[in-house]
Amino acid sequence: MSSEQFDIIIIGSGPGGYVGAVRAAQLGFKVGVVEKEKTLGGTCLNVGCIPSKALLDSSEHYSFTQHELSQHGVRVSQVALDLPTMMGRKEKIVKELTLGIEFLFKKNQITRISGTGRLISKEQVEVTDSAGMKKTFLARFIVLATGSVPNSLPGIKIDRQRVITSTEALTLSSVPNHLIVVGGGVIGLELGSVWLRLGAQVSVIEYSPYICAGMDQSMSKRLLQLLKKQGMKFYLESKVTGVEPTQSSQSPLQVHFESVKDQQKQSIDGDFVLVATGRRPYSEGLGLETLGISCDPQGRVLVDDHFQTNINNIYAIGDLIRGPMLAHKAEEEGVALAEILAGKPGHVNYETVPGVIYTWPEMASVGATEEQLKSKGIAYRSGTFNFTANGRAKAMGFTEGQVKILAESAPSDRILGVHILGPRASDMIAEAVVAMEFGGSSEDLARSFHAHPTLSEVIREAALAVDGRARQA
């Protein structure tokens, strides 16, 4: 039995774990990271954010070549899909990035501990490797960063063959005839978009009246219209009641669902069902009960403002704790915690965590929605501007969408929320995040230079619109 001593042991090498480990090592800590999978990087890098974006970009190129390229005077005949090459490109990107994390571990002298970690005391982590061998490691501080796993639904058995999660949806060997997506959130819409572009029929069943729950409702409604225009079919306010096999080889599954409003029953047939109903904290086998670590009813580990659990030297970050389940949120928590343990003022501003949906057009937001401001009785002004009036968007051929800026009423004019539906919204939102981080106002954005012609000019025009000064198209 090993009793190797570390300053910090982190269980989990996802974005929170590996970024936190690097920062801790930079601060002089001896760090060990426990990871049960063969590669580092967690869900995000291996079967989440990165591979999905690789397929989104590839499918976007394919769809653009088929439907848009001729408008630019470029004619291409006999466009064909080479799915194995597309999947190979995705795997190459993932491999390069996981190797990059291995390099960071070596560079910063971080010890990788292969196996499944379990707490056996407040200072001991037992690690079981793939051969079943157990070793115990000691640490002054233990950080739980085990992330999350896909949710399931009652009455739906996920067999990972035909009824699948996002992991299997990233590795299908052929384009589905009809992909039925259960859940109209980020994961369902992104992966639905991939297979829709590649030729599948895609139907989305969503329990709520809106897609993208929690996002600004006016933007959500507009994205819904655009996705419908692309051919995606939606059944909103619908509850899935079961999935059963059929006798058809083309559509071997039948999904049953009913209206939330009047319980009217429907069914549709397809060859794959993607269950995309969100994610839940992954803490099974971690040993939380052994130490009496407190969790909330949703299974999230309870922590204070310094990420400390009710056990004074055990901490938790990322998807395991409250807040949005986003890689960049976990990264910032990992860095903040490392700095706190080093006696520095680590901090995460949860009011400026951006969220992005990588459909086309993309939707990105930071801060409050109109619905949230109204529910809290906060007085605000709103400014919007459409991409149809933007020169760069016209030149690109992508003019759908708008920018909305919500600012506190006079005299502060402080930006409370920014919502973007349009081309490359994922990149544009960073400007809003920085402005909000420094307490900026809509007037600050309106008076700042934005190069012409660029997509970011729409942000400036929306800021001007808060005060009724936007230029008219």
Protein backbone atom coordinates (compact mmCIF):
# COMPACT_ATOMS: atom_id res chain seq x y z
CA MET A 1 0.00 0.00 0.00
CA SER A 2 1.36 3.39 -1.05
CA SER A 3 1.29 6.36 1.26
CA GLU A 4 2.73 8.94 -1.13
CA GLN A 5 2.05 12.45 0.19
CA PHE A 6 0.74 15.36 -1.89
CA ASP A 7 -0.19 18.90 -1.01
CA ILE A 8 -3.30 18.60 -3.21
CA ILE A 9 -5.01 15.59 -4.76
CA ILE A 10 -7.64 16.38 -7.36
CA ILE A 11 -10.10 13.65 -8.34
CA GLY A 12 -11.00 14.23 -11.98
CA SER A 13 -9.01 15.69 -14.89
CA GLY A 14 -11.75 17.61 -16.68
CA PRO A 15 -11.53 21.37 -17.29
CA GLY A 16 -11.84 22.21 -13.60
CA GLY A 17 -9.45 19.49 -12.48
CA TYR A 18 -6.62 19.92 -14.95
CA VAL A 19 -6.71 23.73 -15.07
CA GLY A 20 -6.84 23.87 -11.27
CA ALA A 21 -3.94 21.41 -11.10
CA VAL A 22 -1.79 23.53 -13.40
CA ARG A 23 -2.46 26.69 -11.40
CA ALA A 24 -1.78 24.90 -8.11
CA ALA A 25 1.53 23.58 -9.46
CA GLN A 26 2.46 27.07 -10.62
CA LEU A 27 1.86 28.25 -7.05
CA GLY A 28 4.31 25.67 -5.70
CA PHE A 29 2.01 22.87 -4.58
CA LYS A 30 2.85 19.20 -5.11
CA VAL A 31 -0.20 18.02 -7.06
CA GLY A 32 -1.61 14.61 -7.93
CA VAL A 33 -4.58 14.14 -10.25
CA VAL A 34 -6.68 10.95 -10.18
CA GLU A 35 -8.28 9.98 -13.50
CA LYS A 36 -10.05 6.72 -14.31
CA GLU A 37 -10.20 7.15 -18.09
CA LYS A 38 -7.30 6.43 -20.44
CA THR A 39 -7.02 10.05 -21.53
CA LEU A 40 -7.04 13.33 -19.63
CA GLY A 41 -9.53 16.14 -20.21
CA GLY A 42 -12.78 14.73 -18.90
CA THR A 43 -16.14 14.71 -20.66
CA CYS A 44 -15.66 18.13 -22.27
CA LEU A 45 -12.54 17.28 -24.18
CA ASN A 46 -13.16 13.61 -24.91
CA VAL A 47 -16.90 13.21 -25.49
CA GLY A 48 -18.39 16.68 -25.13
CA CYS A 49 -17.46 20.25 -26.02
CA ILE A 50 -14.55 19.59 -28.35
CA PRO A 51 -15.72 16.65 -30.49
CA SER A 52 -19.19 18.18 -30.83
CA LYS A 53 -17.72 21.47 -32.06
CA ALA A 54 -15.50 19.61 -34.51
CA LEU A 55 -18.56 17.91 -35.99
CA LEU A 56 -20.56 21.13 -35.93
CA ASP A 57 -17.86 22.91 -37.94
CA SER A 58 -17.47 20.01 -40.38
CA SER A 59 -21.21 19.65 -40.91
CA GLU A 60 -21.47 23.40 -41.35
CA HIS A 61 -18.91 23.26 -44.17
CA TYR A 62 -20.82 20.42 -45.80
CA SER A 63 -24.15 22.22 -45.60
CA PHE A 64 -22.64 25.51 -46.76
CA THR A 65 -21.09 23.83 -49.80
CA GLN A 66 -24.40 22.23 -50.67
CA HIS A 67 -26.71 25.18 -50.17
CA GLU A 68 -24.85 28.48 -49.92
CA LEU A 69 -21.61 28.36 -51.88
CA SER A 70 -23.24 28.93 -55.27
CA GLN A 71 -24.51 32.31 -54.06
CA HIS A 72 -20.87 33.42 -53.84
CA GLY A 73 -20.26 32.45 -57.46
CA VAL A 74 -18.53 29.20 -56.56
CA ARG A 75 -20.12 26.19 -58.23
CA VAL A 76 -19.33 22.72 -56.94
CA SER A 77 -20.85 19.58 -58.38
CA GLN A 78 -21.35 16.12 -56.88
CA VAL A 79 -20.80 17.09 -53.27
CA ALA A 80 -20.41 13.89 -51.26
CA LEU A 81 -20.23 13.14 -47.56
CA ASP A 82 -17.20 11.19 -46.31
CA LEU A 83 -18.35 10.47 -42.77
CA PRO A 84 -15.34 8.31 -41.76
CA THR A 85 -12.98 11.15 -42.67
CA MET A 86 -15.12 13.63 -40.76
CA MET A 87 -15.07 11.38 -37.70
CA GLY A 88 -11.34 10.83 -38.10
CA ARG A 89 -10.73 14.56 -38.11
CA LYS A 90 -12.74 14.88 -34.89
CA GLU A 91 -10.72 12.12 -33.21
CA LYS A 92 -7.45 13.72 -34.34
CA ILE A 93 -8.43 17.03 -32.74
CA VAL A 94 -9.36 15.30 -29.48
CA LYS A 95 -6.11 13.32 -29.43
CA GLU A 96 -3.98 16.40 -30.01
CA LEU A 97 -5.67 18.26 -27.17
CA THR A 98 -5.48 15.37 -24.70
CA LEU A 99 -1.77 15.02 -25.49
CA GLY A 100 -1.50 18.74 -24.84
CA ILE A 101 -2.80 18.23 -21.30
CA GLU A 102 -0.30 15.41 -20.77
CA PHE A 103 2.42 17.85 -21.79
CA LEU A 104 1.13 20.43 -19.30
CA PHE A 105 1.24 17.80 -16.54
CA LYS A 106 4.86 16.96 -17.35
CA LYS A 107 5.86 20.61 -17.70
CA ASN A 108 4.36 21.48 -14.32
CA GLN A 109 5.46 18.26 -12.59
CA ILE A 110 1.89 17.15 -11.88
CA THR A 111 1.56 13.46 -11.04
CA ARG A 112 -1.14 11.54 -12.87
CA ILE A 113 -2.65 8.77 -10.76
CA SER A 114 -4.52 6.31 -12.99
CA GLY A 115 -7.63 4.70 -11.57
CA THR A 116 -10.89 5.42 -9.79
CA GLY A 117 -10.60 7.57 -6.69
CA ARG A 118 -12.58 7.17 -3.48
CA LEU A 119 -12.41 9.08 -0.22
CA ILE A 120 -11.59 6.88 2.77
CA SER A 121 -10.74 9.66 5.23
CA LYS A 122 -10.43 13.44 5.17
CA GLU A 123 -6.78 13.09 4.14
CA GLN A 124 -6.76 9.79 2.23
CA VAL A 125 -7.78 8.85 -1.30
CA GLU A 126 -7.93 5.20 -2.29
CA VAL A 127 -7.32 4.62 -6.00
CA THR A 128 -8.32 1.39 -7.75
CA ASP A 129 -6.57 0.83 -11.09
CA SER A 130 -7.89 -1.06 -14.12
CA ALA A 131 -6.45 -4.33 -12.77
CA GLY A 132 -8.28 -3.94 -9.47
CA MET A 133 -5.15 -3.04 -7.50
CA LYS A 134 -5.68 -0.49 -4.72
CA LYS A 135 -3.31 2.18 -3.48
CA THR A 136 -3.80 4.90 -0.90
CA PHE A 137 -2.50 8.46 -1.27
CA LEU A 138 -2.31 11.20 1.35
CA ALA A 139 -3.01 14.89 0.84
CA ARG A 140 -3.34 18.09 2.86
CA PHE A 141 -6.20 19.14 0.57
CA ILE A 142 -8.54 17.03 -1.58
CA VAL A 143 -10.48 18.53 -4.47
CA LEU A 144 -13.51 16.76 -5.97
CA ALA A 145 -13.82 17.53 -9.69
CA THR A 146 -15.58 14.47 -11.10
CA GLY A 147 -17.99 16.39 -13.33
CA SER A 148 -21.38 15.14 -14.51
CA VAL A 149 -23.10 12.42 -16.50
CA PRO A 150 -26.19 12.45 -18.77
CA ASN A 151 -29.61 12.42 -17.17
CA SER A 152 -32.02 9.60 -17.92
CA LEU A 153 -35.82 9.63 -18.01
CA PRO A 154 -38.33 7.25 -16.41
CA GLY A 155 -39.62 4.78 -18.95
CA ILE A 156 -36.65 5.13 -21.29
CA LYS A 157 -33.92 2.53 -21.19
CA ILE A 158 -30.69 3.83 -22.67
CA ASP A 159 -29.07 0.88 -24.44
CA ARG A 160 -26.36 2.99 -26.15
CA GLN A 161 -27.18 1.23 -29.43
CA ARG A 162 -30.43 2.80 -30.62
CA VAL A 163 -31.44 4.77 -27.53
CA ILE A 164 -28.32 6.83 -27.05
CA THR A 165 -26.67 9.65 -25.11
CA SER A 166 -24.54 12.47 -26.46
CA THR A 167 -21.49 10.19 -26.26
CA GLU A 168 -22.88 7.73 -28.82
CA ALA A 169 -24.34 10.55 -30.96
CA LEU A 170 -20.76 11.72 -31.56
CA THR A 171 -19.67 8.37 -33.00
CA LEU A 172 -22.51 7.13 -35.23
CA SER A 173 -21.15 5.21 -38.21
CA SER A 174 -23.88 6.36 -40.60
CA VAL A 175 -26.35 9.20 -40.92
CA PRO A 176 -29.66 8.37 -39.19
CA ASN A 177 -32.84 8.29 -41.25
CA HIS A 178 -34.77 9.93 -38.41
CA LEU A 179 -33.09 11.09 -35.21
CA ILE A 180 -35.58 11.76 -32.42
CA VAL A 181 -34.12 14.10 -29.81
CA VAL A 182 -35.62 14.12 -26.33
CA GLY A 183 -34.78 17.55 -24.90
CA GLY A 184 -34.57 20.95 -26.58
CA GLY A 185 -31.53 22.24 -24.72
CA VAL A 186 -27.94 22.86 -25.74
CA ILE A 187 -26.88 19.24 -26.28
CA GLY A 188 -29.99 18.20 -28.17
CA LEU A 189 -30.00 21.21 -30.49
CA GLU A 190 -26.28 21.05 -31.25
CA LEU A 191 -26.15 17.34 -32.03
CA GLY A 192 -29.49 17.55 -33.79
CA SER A 193 -28.00 20.29 -35.98
CA VAL A 194 -25.00 18.11 -36.87
CA TRP A 195 -27.10 15.21 -38.14
CA LEU A 196 -29.71 17.47 -39.75
CA ARG A 197 -27.01 19.10 -41.87
CA LEU A 198 -25.65 15.71 -42.86
CA GLY A 199 -29.03 14.53 -44.14
CA ALA A 200 -31.05 13.15 -41.24
CA GLN A 201 -34.62 14.01 -40.41
CA VAL A 202 -34.54 15.45 -36.89
CA SER A 203 -37.46 15.80 -34.47
CA VAL A 204 -37.12 17.41 -31.05
CA ILE A 205 -39.51 16.66 -28.17
CA GLU A 206 -39.32 19.27 -25.40
CA TYR A 207 -41.29 19.39 -22.14
CA SER A 208 -41.34 23.19 -21.76
CA PRO A 209 -42.97 25.78 -24.05
CA TYR A 210 -39.51 27.00 -25.12
CA ILE A 211 -36.27 25.59 -26.36
CA CYS A 212 -33.05 26.62 -24.60
CA ALA A 213 -34.59 26.86 -21.13
CA GLY A 214 -33.15 29.74 -19.13
CA MET A 215 -32.13 31.77 -22.16
CA ASP A 216 -33.82 35.02 -23.16
CA GLN A 217 -37.29 34.05 -24.40
CA SER A 218 -37.45 36.40 -27.37
CA MET A 219 -34.12 35.04 -28.62
CA SER A 220 -35.27 31.48 -27.95
CA LYS A 221 -38.41 32.01 -30.01
CA ARG A 222 -36.37 33.46 -32.86
CA LEU A 223 -33.90 30.57 -32.82
CA LEU A 224 -36.84 28.16 -32.87
CA GLN A 225 -38.13 29.80 -36.04
CA LEU A 226 -34.72 29.59 -37.71
CA LEU A 227 -34.21 25.92 -36.79
CA LYS A 228 -37.68 25.11 -38.12
CA LYS A 229 -36.73 26.89 -41.33
CA GLN A 230 -33.69 24.62 -41.59
CA GLY A 231 -35.97 21.59 -41.37
CA MET A 232 -35.85 20.62 -37.70
CA LYS A 233 -39.26 19.60 -36.35
CA PHE A 234 -40.39 20.43 -32.82
CA TYR A 235 -42.99 19.08 -30.39
CA LEU A 236 -43.07 21.57 -27.52
CA GLU A 237 -44.89 21.15 -24.21
CA SER A 238 -44.68 17.42 -24.73
CA LYS A 239 -43.78 14.68 -22.26
CA VAL A 240 -42.15 11.46 -23.43
CA THR A 241 -43.91 8.44 -21.93
CA GLY A 242 -41.99 5.57 -23.48
CA VAL A 243 -39.89 4.09 -26.26
CA GLU A 244 -40.59 0.70 -27.78
CA PRO A 245 -39.30 -1.35 -30.74
CA THR A 246 -41.16 -1.65 -34.04
CA GLN A 247 -41.05 -4.25 -36.83
CA SER A 248 -39.51 -1.76 -39.29
CA SER A 249 -35.81 -1.96 -40.18
CA GLN A 250 -35.87 1.68 -41.34
CA SER A 251 -37.57 2.97 -38.18
CA PRO A 252 -36.95 0.38 -35.47
CA LEU A 253 -38.10 2.61 -32.59
CA GLN A 254 -41.35 4.31 -31.71
CA VAL A 255 -41.43 7.19 -29.23
CA HIS A 256 -44.66 7.85 -27.34
CA PHE A 257 -45.39 11.27 -25.89
CA GLU A 258 -48.30 13.36 -24.74
CA SER A 259 -49.22 17.03 -24.56
CA VAL A 260 -48.49 18.65 -21.21
CA LYS A 261 -51.57 20.86 -21.65
CA ASP A 262 -54.29 18.39 -22.62
CA GLN A 263 -52.62 14.92 -22.40
CA GLN A 264 -53.28 14.27 -26.09
CA LYS A 265 -51.14 11.28 -27.06
CA GLN A 266 -48.86 11.03 -30.10
CA SER A 267 -46.10 8.78 -31.38
CA ILE A 268 -43.35 9.05 -33.98
CA ASP A 269 -41.01 6.46 -35.46
CA GLY A 270 -37.27 6.76 -35.91
CA ASP A 271 -34.05 4.78 -36.00
CA PHE A 272 -32.23 6.56 -33.14
CA VAL A 273 -33.43 8.29 -29.98
CA LEU A 274 -31.01 10.76 -28.43
CA VAL A 275 -31.79 11.38 -24.76
CA ALA A 276 -30.56 14.93 -24.15
CA THR A 277 -32.38 15.93 -20.97
CA GLY A 278 -29.46 17.58 -19.23
CA ARG A 279 -26.78 16.26 -16.92
CA ARG A 280 -26.44 15.43 -13.23
CA PRO A 281 -23.47 15.55 -10.83
CA TYR A 282 -21.31 12.43 -10.98
CA SER A 283 -20.45 11.33 -7.45
CA GLU A 284 -21.22 7.60 -7.46
CA GLY A 285 -18.54 5.63 -5.63
CA LEU A 286 -16.73 8.76 -4.52
CA GLY A 287 -17.19 8.04 -0.83
CA LEU A 288 -19.18 11.13 0.09
CA GLU A 289 -21.36 9.14 2.47
CA THR A 290 -18.34 7.66 4.24
CA LEU A 291 -17.21 11.11 5.34
CA GLY A 292 -20.67 12.63 5.67
CA ILE A 293 -20.14 15.23 2.97
CA SER A 294 -23.35 17.19 2.50
CA CYS A 295 -25.27 17.31 -0.79
CA ASP A 296 -28.44 19.08 -1.88
CA PRO A 297 -31.57 17.26 -3.17
CA GLN A 298 -30.22 17.47 -6.75
CA GLY A 299 -27.06 15.59 -5.74
CA ARG A 300 -24.79 18.62 -5.88
CA VAL A 301 -22.05 18.83 -3.26
CA LEU A 302 -22.68 21.74 -0.91
CA VAL A 303 -19.79 24.18 -0.63
CA ASP A 304 -19.21 27.62 0.85
CA ASP A 305 -17.99 30.67 -1.05
CA HIS A 306 -14.46 29.24 -0.99
CA PHE A 307 -15.54 25.85 -2.45
CA GLN A 308 -15.06 24.12 0.90
CA THR A 309 -17.39 21.26 1.85
CA ASN A 310 -18.48 20.62 5.42
CA ILE A 311 -15.19 18.73 5.80
CA ASN A 312 -12.62 21.48 6.25
CA ASN A 313 -9.87 20.24 3.91
CA ILE A 314 -12.11 18.76 1.20
CA TYR A 315 -13.29 20.98 -1.64
CA ALA A 316 -15.47 20.62 -4.75
CA ILE A 317 -15.70 22.47 -8.04
CA GLY A 318 -17.32 22.31 -11.48
CA ASP A 319 -20.43 20.32 -12.32
CA LEU A 320 -20.41 18.76 -8.85
CA ILE A 321 -21.51 22.04 -7.26
CA ARG A 322 -24.11 24.76 -7.85
CA GLY A 323 -24.11 26.90 -10.95
CA PRO A 324 -24.16 26.27 -14.70
CA MET A 325 -22.54 23.06 -15.90
CA LEU A 326 -20.02 24.76 -18.18
CA ALA A 327 -16.37 23.99 -18.80
CA HIS A 328 -15.23 27.60 -18.47
CA LYS A 329 -17.06 27.96 -15.16
CA ALA A 330 -15.25 24.87 -13.84
CA GLU A 331 -11.91 26.21 -15.09
CA GLU A 332 -12.33 29.49 -13.24
CA GLU A 333 -13.32 27.65 -10.08
CA GLY A 334 -10.24 25.45 -10.34
CA VAL A 335 -7.98 28.49 -10.65
CA ALA A 336 -9.77 30.39 -7.88
CA LEU A 337 -9.54 27.44 -5.49
CA ALA A 338 -5.81 26.95 -6.15
CA GLU A 339 -5.24 30.62 -5.35
CA ILE A 340 -7.38 30.44 -2.22
CA LEU A 341 -5.37 27.45 -0.97
CA ALA A 342 -2.22 29.49 -1.59
CA GLY A 343 -3.57 32.33 0.55
CA LYS A 344 -4.49 34.53 -2.41
CA PRO A 345 -7.87 36.18 -3.08
CA GLY A 346 -9.32 33.71 -5.58
CA HIS A 347 -12.76 34.67 -6.85
CA VAL A 348 -15.35 33.75 -9.50
CA ASN A 349 -17.90 36.31 -10.71
CA TYR A 350 -20.93 34.15 -11.47
CA GLU A 351 -22.81 37.12 -12.93
CA THR A 352 -20.50 37.12 -15.95
CA VAL A 353 -20.44 33.43 -16.86
CA PRO A 354 -21.37 33.33 -20.58
CA GLY A 355 -23.47 30.60 -22.13
CA VAL A 356 -23.38 29.55 -25.79
CA ILE A 357 -25.46 27.31 -28.03
CA TYR A 358 -23.43 26.39 -31.12
CA THR A 359 -26.28 26.00 -33.58
CA TRP A 360 -26.30 28.12 -36.72
CA PRO A 361 -26.85 30.90 -36.11
CA GLU A 362 -25.24 30.66 -32.70
CA MET A 363 -26.86 31.99 -29.56
CA ALA A 364 -24.76 33.44 -26.74
CA SER A 365 -25.66 35.31 -23.59
CA VAL A 366 -24.25 36.72 -20.38
CA GLY A 367 -26.04 38.15 -17.39
CA ALA A 368 -29.77 38.49 -16.81
CA THR A 369 -32.64 37.88 -19.21
CA GLU A 370 -35.62 40.22 -19.49
CA GLU A 371 -37.74 37.64 -17.71
CA GLN A 372 -35.35 37.54 -14.76
CA LEU A 373 -35.18 41.33 -14.48
CA LYS A 374 -38.97 41.62 -14.56
CA SER A 375 -39.40 38.93 -11.91
CA LYS A 376 -37.01 40.82 -9.61
CA GLY A 377 -38.63 44.19 -10.28
CA ILE A 378 -35.40 45.71 -11.62
CA ALA A 379 -35.93 48.78 -13.81
CA TYR A 380 -34.06 48.48 -17.08
CA ARG A 381 -33.85 49.71 -20.66
CA SER A 382 -33.42 47.51 -23.70
CA GLY A 383 -31.66 48.08 -27.01
CA THR A 384 -31.71 45.73 -30.00
CA PHE A 385 -30.17 45.72 -33.44
CA ASN A 386 -30.51 43.21 -36.27
CA PHE A 387 -27.72 41.63 -38.29
CA THR A 388 -29.68 42.36 -41.48
CA ALA A 389 -28.41 45.96 -41.30
CA ASN A 390 -24.76 44.96 -40.78
CA GLY A 391 -22.39 45.26 -43.74
CA ARG A 392 -20.11 42.39 -42.77
CA ALA A 393 -23.05 40.06 -42.17
CA LYS A 394 -24.40 40.91 -45.61
CA ALA A 395 -21.00 40.27 -47.19
CA MET A 396 -20.81 36.89 -45.45
CA GLY A 397 -24.36 36.01 -46.42
CA PHE A 398 -25.48 35.39 -42.82
CA THR A 399 -27.88 38.10 -41.66
CA GLU A 400 -30.29 36.25 -39.38
CA GLY A 401 -30.53 37.30 -35.75
CA GLN A 402 -29.96 40.27 -33.51
CA VAL A 403 -28.15 41.62 -30.45
CA LYS A 404 -30.09 42.67 -27.35
CA ILE A 405 -28.54 44.71 -24.55
CA LEU A 406 -30.26 45.18 -21.19
CA ALA A 407 -29.03 48.08 -19.08
CA GLU A 408 -30.10 49.34 -15.68
CA SER A 409 -32.26 52.43 -15.86
CA ALA A 410 -30.69 55.86 -15.31
CA PRO A 411 -28.57 57.04 -13.78
CA SER A 412 -26.30 53.94 -13.66
CA ASP A 413 -26.90 52.52 -17.18
CA ARG A 414 -24.90 49.48 -15.99
CA ILE A 415 -25.11 46.52 -18.38
CA LEU A 416 -27.20 43.76 -16.82
CA GLY A 417 -27.38 41.29 -19.70
CA VAL A 418 -26.36 40.83 -23.31
CA HIS A 419 -27.96 38.31 -25.67
CA ILE A 420 -26.72 37.56 -29.18
CA LEU A 421 -28.35 35.41 -31.84
CA GLY A 422 -26.29 35.50 -34.99
CA PRO A 423 -23.13 34.44 -36.81
CA ARG A 424 -20.15 33.82 -34.50
CA ALA A 425 -22.08 34.91 -31.42
CA SER A 426 -19.77 32.64 -29.39
CA ASP A 427 -16.83 34.92 -30.16
CA MET A 428 -18.74 38.19 -29.97
CA ILE A 429 -20.03 37.59 -26.43
CA ALA A 430 -16.53 38.05 -24.96
CA GLU A 431 -16.76 41.81 -25.42
CA ALA A 432 -19.91 41.90 -23.33
CA VAL A 433 -18.32 39.71 -20.63
CA VAL A 434 -15.37 42.09 -20.28
CA ALA A 435 -17.66 45.14 -20.20
CA MET A 436 -19.79 43.60 -17.46
CA GLU A 437 -16.76 42.40 -15.48
CA PHE A 438 -15.64 46.01 -15.14
CA GLY A 439 -19.12 47.36 -14.41
CA GLY A 440 -19.45 48.92 -17.85
CA SER A 441 -22.50 50.77 -19.13
CA SER A 442 -24.28 50.63 -22.47
CA GLU A 443 -22.83 54.09 -23.09
CA ASP A 444 -19.33 52.66 -22.64
CA LEU A 445 -19.98 50.17 -25.45
CA ALA A 446 -21.68 52.81 -27.59
CA ARG A 447 -18.66 55.14 -27.33
CA SER A 448 -16.03 52.44 -28.01
CA PHE A 449 -14.52 51.98 -31.46
CA HIS A 450 -15.66 48.92 -33.39
CA ALA A 451 -13.78 48.30 -36.62
CA HIS A 452 -15.81 48.62 -39.82
CA PRO A 453 -17.02 46.40 -41.31
CA THR A 454 -17.28 43.79 -38.57
CA LEU A 455 -20.01 41.75 -36.95
CA SER A 456 -19.21 43.39 -33.60
CA GLU A 457 -20.67 46.66 -34.86
CA VAL A 458 -24.08 45.14 -34.13
CA ILE A 459 -23.16 45.20 -30.43
CA ARG A 460 -22.35 48.90 -30.65
CA GLU A 461 -25.61 49.62 -32.47
CA ALA A 462 -27.58 47.71 -29.84
CA ALA A 463 -25.83 49.75 -27.16
CA LEU A 464 -26.78 52.94 -28.98
CA ALA A 465 -30.35 51.63 -29.25
CA VAL A 466 -30.60 51.50 -25.44
CA ASP A 467 -30.69 55.29 -25.62
CA GLY A 468 -32.67 55.40 -28.87
CA ARG A 469 -29.67 56.46 -30.96
CA ALA A 470 -29.06 53.47 -33.23
CA ARG A 471 -28.47 54.28 -36.89
CA GLN A 472 -31.28 53.11 -39.12
CA ALA A 473 -30.57 50.65 -41.93
